[in-house]
Amino acid sequence: MEEKRVNKINWFPGHMKKALDQMRAELNKADVIIYVLDSRAPKSCLNPELQKLSGNKPILYILNKADLTDLQKLDKIKGSFKSQQSDYLVLNSSQSGASKQVCEKIKSLCAEKIAKYQNKGIKVTLRALVVGVPNSGKSTLVNNLCKKAKAVTGDRPGVTKNKQWFKISPEIEVCDTPGTLYPNLGNQEIAKSLAFIGSIRDEVVDEIEIAEEFLKRMQKIYPDKIAERYKGSSTLPEICKARGFFLGGGELDISRGAKALISDFRSGRLGKLLIEEV
């Protein structure tokens, strides 16, 4: 049987182009970049456009949503985010205690600048630009750093629309930016990962196709997880039967099953998962 052709996933609304233009302007003011990645698909969250914009600025990678990821798999790749000009933190940005760790890492990455100004008797204020794909938890992190809700948040992509600067300590300011994707999602495996984690709006993808692609990915990476959750089921129709999702006349409600599957993944009900090959 011929494999079903999946529609190409591509989503780059106008406000993302505007956001990239804003970032170019704000980068001139920034000393360091805080790059927030969803740790369930960290490599897919690395936007080449943002990489180009970063130039030679030091980068602090936040491997976010650590409460939802497979930490054992993450341990195998997290070292790749550390270099002379970069460092990382594994965090759940919604939990308290992040601010101190982030501030310490920022100071460490900017130690040369701090020392330079200290030698002149000047107390420097460091500026950090927070970037990442949509729905990676950037604004939640900023609110945590500020210890109050200053940045607008939501469990869908595209909530932050404009740049916002906030003071998080006497020495550090951060700027929250809108989430941005690539202008052209050429690698469809990456595009699928971004759709799975909710970085691409659900309204612009076929929910059933995405659910079926997610099942294929799970069969490769976590072959037993779906059956464990859904009483031995491994396909979308079987999941619908197991969950009792029916329309009138006994027809399976495949759409509802697809939504439930992706929701179960995003909420952690399928377990702690890292859905990329490592």
Protein backbone atom coordinates (compact mmCIF):
# COMPACT_ATOMS: atom_id res chain seq x y z
CA MET A 1 0.00 0.00 0.00
CA GLU A 2 1.32 3.47 -0.93
CA GLU A 3 2.12 5.63 2.09
CA LYS A 4 -0.18 8.61 2.54
CA ARG A 5 1.42 11.92 1.52
CA VAL A 6 1.44 14.40 4.41
CA ASN A 7 0.73 18.06 3.71
CA LYS A 8 3.80 20.29 4.02
CA ILE A 9 3.88 22.20 7.30
CA ASN A 10 4.86 25.85 6.99
CA TRP A 11 3.74 28.76 9.18
CA PHE A 12 5.38 32.20 9.23
CA PRO A 13 2.77 34.93 9.85
CA GLY A 14 3.55 38.59 9.33
CA HIS A 15 4.13 39.40 12.98
CA MET A 16 7.12 37.00 13.01
CA LYS A 17 8.91 38.98 10.31
CA LYS A 18 8.23 42.13 12.35
CA ALA A 19 9.57 40.35 15.46
CA LEU A 20 12.84 39.44 13.72
CA ASP A 21 13.25 43.08 12.65
CA GLN A 22 12.66 44.18 16.26
CA MET A 23 15.24 41.69 17.51
CA ARG A 24 17.89 43.07 15.16
CA ALA A 25 17.39 46.49 16.72
CA GLU A 26 17.34 45.24 20.33
CA LEU A 27 20.41 43.03 19.86
CA ASN A 28 22.56 46.14 19.64
CA LYS A 29 21.54 46.92 23.23
CA ALA A 30 21.95 43.36 24.55
CA ASP A 31 25.03 41.87 26.23
CA VAL A 32 23.77 38.29 26.25
CA ILE A 33 21.03 36.18 24.65
CA ILE A 34 18.77 33.88 26.67
CA TYR A 35 17.67 31.23 24.19
CA VAL A 36 14.66 29.27 25.50
CA LEU A 37 14.25 25.76 24.06
CA ASP A 38 11.52 23.21 24.74
CA SER A 39 13.59 20.31 26.10
CA ARG A 40 11.20 17.77 24.57
CA ALA A 41 12.55 18.81 21.13
CA PRO A 42 15.55 21.09 21.80
CA LYS A 43 17.31 20.65 18.46
CA SER A 44 14.12 21.43 16.54
CA CYS A 45 13.76 24.65 18.56
CA LEU A 46 17.09 25.99 17.25
CA ASN A 47 15.94 28.57 14.72
CA PRO A 48 18.67 29.28 12.11
CA GLU A 49 17.37 32.84 11.74
CA LEU A 50 17.91 33.48 15.45
CA GLN A 51 21.33 31.82 15.25
CA LYS A 52 22.34 34.29 12.52
CA LEU A 53 21.08 37.25 14.53
CA SER A 54 23.01 36.26 17.65
CA GLY A 55 26.37 37.03 16.03
CA ASN A 56 29.14 36.83 18.62
CA LYS A 57 26.92 37.51 21.64
CA PRO A 58 27.21 34.99 24.50
CA ILE A 59 24.20 32.68 24.71
CA LEU A 60 22.52 31.09 27.72
CA TYR A 61 20.40 28.16 26.54
CA ILE A 62 17.43 27.39 28.77
CA LEU A 63 16.42 23.76 28.28
CA ASN A 64 12.89 24.44 29.45
CA LYS A 65 9.93 22.27 30.48
CA ALA A 66 12.30 19.89 32.24
CA ASP A 67 9.32 18.43 34.12
CA LEU A 68 7.99 17.02 30.82
CA THR A 69 11.14 15.70 29.14
CA ASP A 70 13.18 12.50 29.29
CA LEU A 71 16.10 13.72 31.42
CA GLN A 72 18.17 10.61 30.73
CA LYS A 73 18.07 11.33 26.97
CA LEU A 74 18.57 15.06 27.57
CA ASP A 75 21.77 14.28 29.52
CA LYS A 76 23.25 12.83 26.31
CA ILE A 77 22.93 16.08 24.36
CA LYS A 78 22.88 18.95 26.86
CA GLY A 79 26.67 19.28 26.75
CA SER A 80 26.43 20.35 23.11
CA PHE A 81 24.93 23.66 24.31
CA LYS A 82 28.07 24.59 26.26
CA SER A 83 31.08 26.30 24.68
CA GLN A 84 33.41 29.23 25.28
CA GLN A 85 30.57 31.61 24.45
CA SER A 86 27.57 29.63 25.64
CA ASP A 87 26.19 27.77 28.62
CA TYR A 88 22.92 26.06 29.53
CA LEU A 89 20.44 25.47 32.34
CA VAL A 90 17.87 22.67 32.57
CA LEU A 91 14.76 24.33 34.00
CA ASN A 92 11.03 24.28 34.49
CA SER A 93 10.45 28.01 34.04
CA SER A 94 7.13 27.90 35.91
CA GLN A 95 8.80 26.83 39.18
CA SER A 96 10.39 29.22 41.65
CA GLY A 97 14.14 29.41 42.06
CA ALA A 98 15.04 30.01 38.42
CA SER A 99 15.99 33.65 38.87
CA LYS A 100 19.14 33.08 40.95
CA GLN A 101 20.49 30.39 38.59
CA VAL A 102 19.83 32.48 35.48
CA CYS A 103 21.41 35.62 36.96
CA GLU A 104 24.52 33.67 37.99
CA LYS A 105 24.93 32.23 34.50
CA ILE A 106 24.45 35.65 32.87
CA LYS A 107 27.13 37.16 35.11
CA SER A 108 29.47 34.27 34.33
CA LEU A 109 28.99 34.68 30.56
CA CYS A 110 29.54 38.45 30.87
CA ALA A 111 32.41 38.24 33.39
CA GLU A 112 34.84 39.99 31.05
CA LYS A 113 32.56 43.02 30.61
CA ILE A 114 31.81 43.19 34.35
CA ALA A 115 35.54 43.14 35.17
CA LYS A 116 36.29 45.79 32.54
CA TYR A 117 33.79 48.23 34.05
CA GLN A 118 34.71 47.36 37.65
CA ASN A 119 38.31 48.35 36.90
CA LYS A 120 36.94 51.78 35.95
CA GLY A 121 34.84 51.95 39.10
CA ILE A 122 31.60 51.62 37.12
CA LYS A 123 28.77 49.29 38.10
CA VAL A 124 27.43 47.89 34.84
CA THR A 125 23.83 46.88 34.05
CA LEU A 126 23.72 43.75 31.90
CA ARG A 127 20.98 43.40 29.29
CA ALA A 128 19.68 40.01 28.16
CA LEU A 129 17.44 39.41 25.13
CA VAL A 130 15.09 36.44 25.58
CA VAL A 131 14.40 34.58 22.32
CA GLY A 132 12.90 31.27 21.21
CA VAL A 133 10.26 29.57 19.09
CA PRO A 134 6.61 30.16 20.00
CA ASN A 135 5.24 28.42 23.09
CA SER A 136 8.70 27.54 24.44
CA GLY A 137 7.97 29.27 27.76
CA LYS A 138 9.85 32.53 27.25
CA SER A 139 7.27 34.82 28.87
CA THR A 140 6.75 32.38 31.76
CA LEU A 141 10.49 32.49 32.37
CA VAL A 142 10.53 36.31 32.26
CA ASN A 143 7.68 36.47 34.79
CA ASN A 144 9.59 34.04 37.01
CA LEU A 145 12.72 36.17 36.75
CA CYS A 146 10.70 39.31 37.59
CA LYS A 147 8.92 37.45 40.41
CA LYS A 148 5.61 38.84 39.14
CA ALA A 149 3.40 38.58 36.05
CA LYS A 150 4.71 41.30 33.75
CA ALA A 151 4.91 39.47 30.42
CA VAL A 152 1.76 38.13 28.78
CA THR A 153 1.70 34.32 28.69
CA GLY A 154 -0.50 31.59 27.22
CA ASP A 155 -0.46 27.91 26.26
CA ARG A 156 -0.54 28.71 22.55
CA PRO A 157 2.02 30.20 20.15
CA GLY A 158 2.07 33.90 19.28
CA VAL A 159 0.93 35.41 22.60
CA THR A 160 3.83 37.87 22.96
CA LYS A 161 3.48 40.49 20.22
CA ASN A 162 5.94 43.24 21.17
CA LYS A 163 9.30 43.63 22.88
CA GLN A 164 9.21 44.36 26.62
CA TRP A 165 12.20 45.26 28.88
CA PHE A 166 12.10 44.33 32.58
CA LYS A 167 14.57 44.72 35.47
CA ILE A 168 15.12 41.36 37.22
CA SER A 169 17.91 42.43 39.59
CA PRO A 170 19.87 45.61 40.37
CA GLU A 171 22.41 44.55 37.71
CA ILE A 172 20.33 42.76 35.04
CA GLU A 173 17.50 43.66 32.65
CA VAL A 174 15.76 41.26 30.28
CA CYS A 175 13.74 41.83 27.14
CA ASP A 176 10.95 39.41 26.21
CA THR A 177 10.43 39.00 22.47
CA PRO A 178 7.73 37.37 20.33
CA GLY A 179 8.32 33.73 19.44
CA THR A 180 9.60 33.25 15.90
CA LEU A 181 9.89 30.32 13.50
CA TYR A 182 11.92 29.96 10.32
CA PRO A 183 10.57 31.73 7.20
CA ASN A 184 10.75 28.35 5.45
CA LEU A 185 10.39 25.11 7.39
CA GLY A 186 12.30 23.04 4.85
CA ASN A 187 13.03 20.11 7.16
CA GLN A 188 9.62 18.54 7.72
CA GLU A 189 10.81 16.32 10.57
CA ILE A 190 11.68 19.51 12.46
CA ALA A 191 8.35 21.02 11.42
CA LYS A 192 6.52 17.99 12.81
CA SER A 193 8.40 18.26 16.11
CA LEU A 194 7.40 21.92 16.38
CA ALA A 195 3.78 21.00 15.65
CA PHE A 196 3.85 18.25 18.29
CA ILE A 197 5.04 20.62 21.03
CA GLY A 198 2.61 23.38 20.02
CA SER A 199 5.05 25.88 18.49
CA ILE A 200 2.94 25.89 15.32
CA ARG A 201 -0.70 26.88 15.70
CA ASP A 202 -2.99 23.84 15.75
CA GLU A 203 -5.38 25.71 13.46
CA VAL A 204 -2.91 25.72 10.55
CA VAL A 205 -2.13 21.98 10.53
CA ASP A 206 -4.26 18.89 9.91
CA GLU A 207 -4.85 17.52 13.41
CA ILE A 208 -5.35 13.94 12.22
CA GLU A 209 -2.19 13.98 10.08
CA ILE A 210 -0.18 15.41 12.97
CA ALA A 211 -1.50 12.77 15.36
CA GLU A 212 -0.66 9.99 12.89
CA GLU A 213 2.84 11.40 12.38
CA PHE A 214 3.25 11.59 16.15
CA LEU A 215 2.33 7.90 16.44
CA LYS A 216 4.96 7.05 13.80
CA ARG A 217 7.58 9.02 15.73
CA MET A 218 6.62 7.30 18.97
CA GLN A 219 6.93 3.86 17.37
CA LYS A 220 10.55 4.70 16.53
CA ILE A 221 11.56 6.32 19.80
CA TYR A 222 9.23 5.02 22.53
CA PRO A 223 7.53 1.94 21.01
CA ASP A 224 5.75 0.90 24.22
CA LYS A 225 4.43 4.23 25.53
CA ILE A 226 1.27 4.43 23.42
CA ALA A 227 0.17 0.90 24.24
CA GLU A 228 0.82 1.55 27.95
CA ARG A 229 -1.40 4.61 27.95
CA TYR A 230 -4.22 3.29 25.73
CA LYS A 231 -4.74 -0.32 26.84
CA GLY A 232 -2.66 -1.96 24.12
CA SER A 233 -3.78 0.37 21.32
CA SER A 234 -1.23 1.61 18.78
CA THR A 235 -3.28 3.29 16.01
CA LEU A 236 -5.63 6.27 16.03
CA PRO A 237 -8.79 4.16 15.46
CA GLU A 238 -7.73 1.79 18.26
CA ILE A 239 -7.12 4.74 20.59
CA CYS A 240 -10.59 6.10 19.79
CA LYS A 241 -12.12 2.72 20.66
CA ALA A 242 -10.11 2.49 23.88
CA ARG A 243 -11.18 6.01 24.91
CA GLY A 244 -14.80 5.55 23.78
CA PHE A 245 -14.67 8.33 21.18
CA PHE A 246 -17.66 7.68 18.91
CA LEU A 247 -19.95 9.76 16.71
CA GLY A 248 -23.57 8.87 16.00
CA GLY A 249 -24.14 5.40 14.51
CA GLY A 250 -21.00 3.97 16.07
CA GLU A 251 -18.60 5.87 13.79
CA LEU A 252 -15.23 6.60 15.36
CA ASP A 253 -14.54 10.24 16.27
CA ILE A 254 -11.02 10.30 14.81
CA SER A 255 -10.71 14.07 15.16
CA ARG A 256 -11.38 13.90 18.90
CA GLY A 257 -8.93 11.03 19.25
CA ALA A 258 -6.23 13.01 17.44
CA LYS A 259 -6.71 16.02 19.71
CA ALA A 260 -6.69 13.83 22.82
CA LEU A 261 -3.45 12.11 21.78
CA ILE A 262 -1.56 15.36 21.23
CA SER A 263 -3.04 16.83 24.42
CA ASP A 264 -1.89 13.77 26.38
CA PHE A 265 1.64 14.25 25.04
CA ARG A 266 1.80 17.99 25.74
CA SER A 267 0.47 17.64 29.27
CA GLY A 268 2.85 14.80 30.16
CA ARG A 269 0.18 12.12 30.46
CA LEU A 270 2.18 9.89 28.08
CA GLY A 271 5.19 10.23 30.37
CA LYS A 272 8.40 12.26 30.23
CA LEU A 273 9.44 12.24 26.58
CA LEU A 274 12.14 13.69 24.32
CA ILE A 275 10.74 13.20 20.83
CA GLU A 276 13.92 13.60 18.78
CA GLU A 277 16.63 11.08 17.95
CA VAL A 278 19.68 11.70 20.17
